[in-house]
Amino acid sequence: MNGRKATHLYKYRIRRDFLRFWGTILLIFAGVQLHSQAIWTGASPGRGNEWMDPKNWEHNRPPDPWDKVIFPYRPGKSNKSVVLRNQTLRVAALELQSGSSLEISKDSKLIIDGSEIYDYGILLLGGTLLNEGEIIIVNAALASIEKLNGILVNKGKIRIELTGDLLEKTGAGQVKNYD
């Protein structure tokens, strides 16, 4: 093989290896970005408490199973209680900030599967969670339920498949469990 062909082949291999390397890095980071946040806005006129209404979510779509769902603190805005009715939903994590409220009705189920995210199952940052249906928490990397001044009222079922701590209480939160 003459020197010119060898140089061309060498440059081709370097370029190919360079593209493979950076293509792999790009795919790795793209996989990390699949886990997003779904942030509640409650902006749908007349339907401001409906989970499945896309207008109630920041990016105009209800949460996907790999989303961390956040009900934020909204100063100066009324925080209607969001109600799950006749639904089985799956999310990666749930966060209820101060003044927010989520109700799970008797005929509904919320599955929190943290297998693809490093977070709490349920994080109560001053929000209220009323469960009359069923909550299933699996694969929470941190505590399954963390309550910092939040309230969890359970009149239904909560099933936790432990991988982290069951419950952390680092604030003045409350858990009220009823039969």
Foldseek 3Di string as FASTA:
>chain_A
DDPVVVVVVVVVVVVVVVCVVVVVVVVVVVLVVVEEAWEFQLPDVPCSQEQQQLVRTPVSGHDDQRYEYEDEDDPPDQADEREDDQEEEHHQAYEYAARHHYEYAQNYEYEHENQPHAAERYEYHNYEYEYLHEYEYEDHNEENYEYANYEYEYNYYYHYDDDYHDYDYPHDYYYHYDD
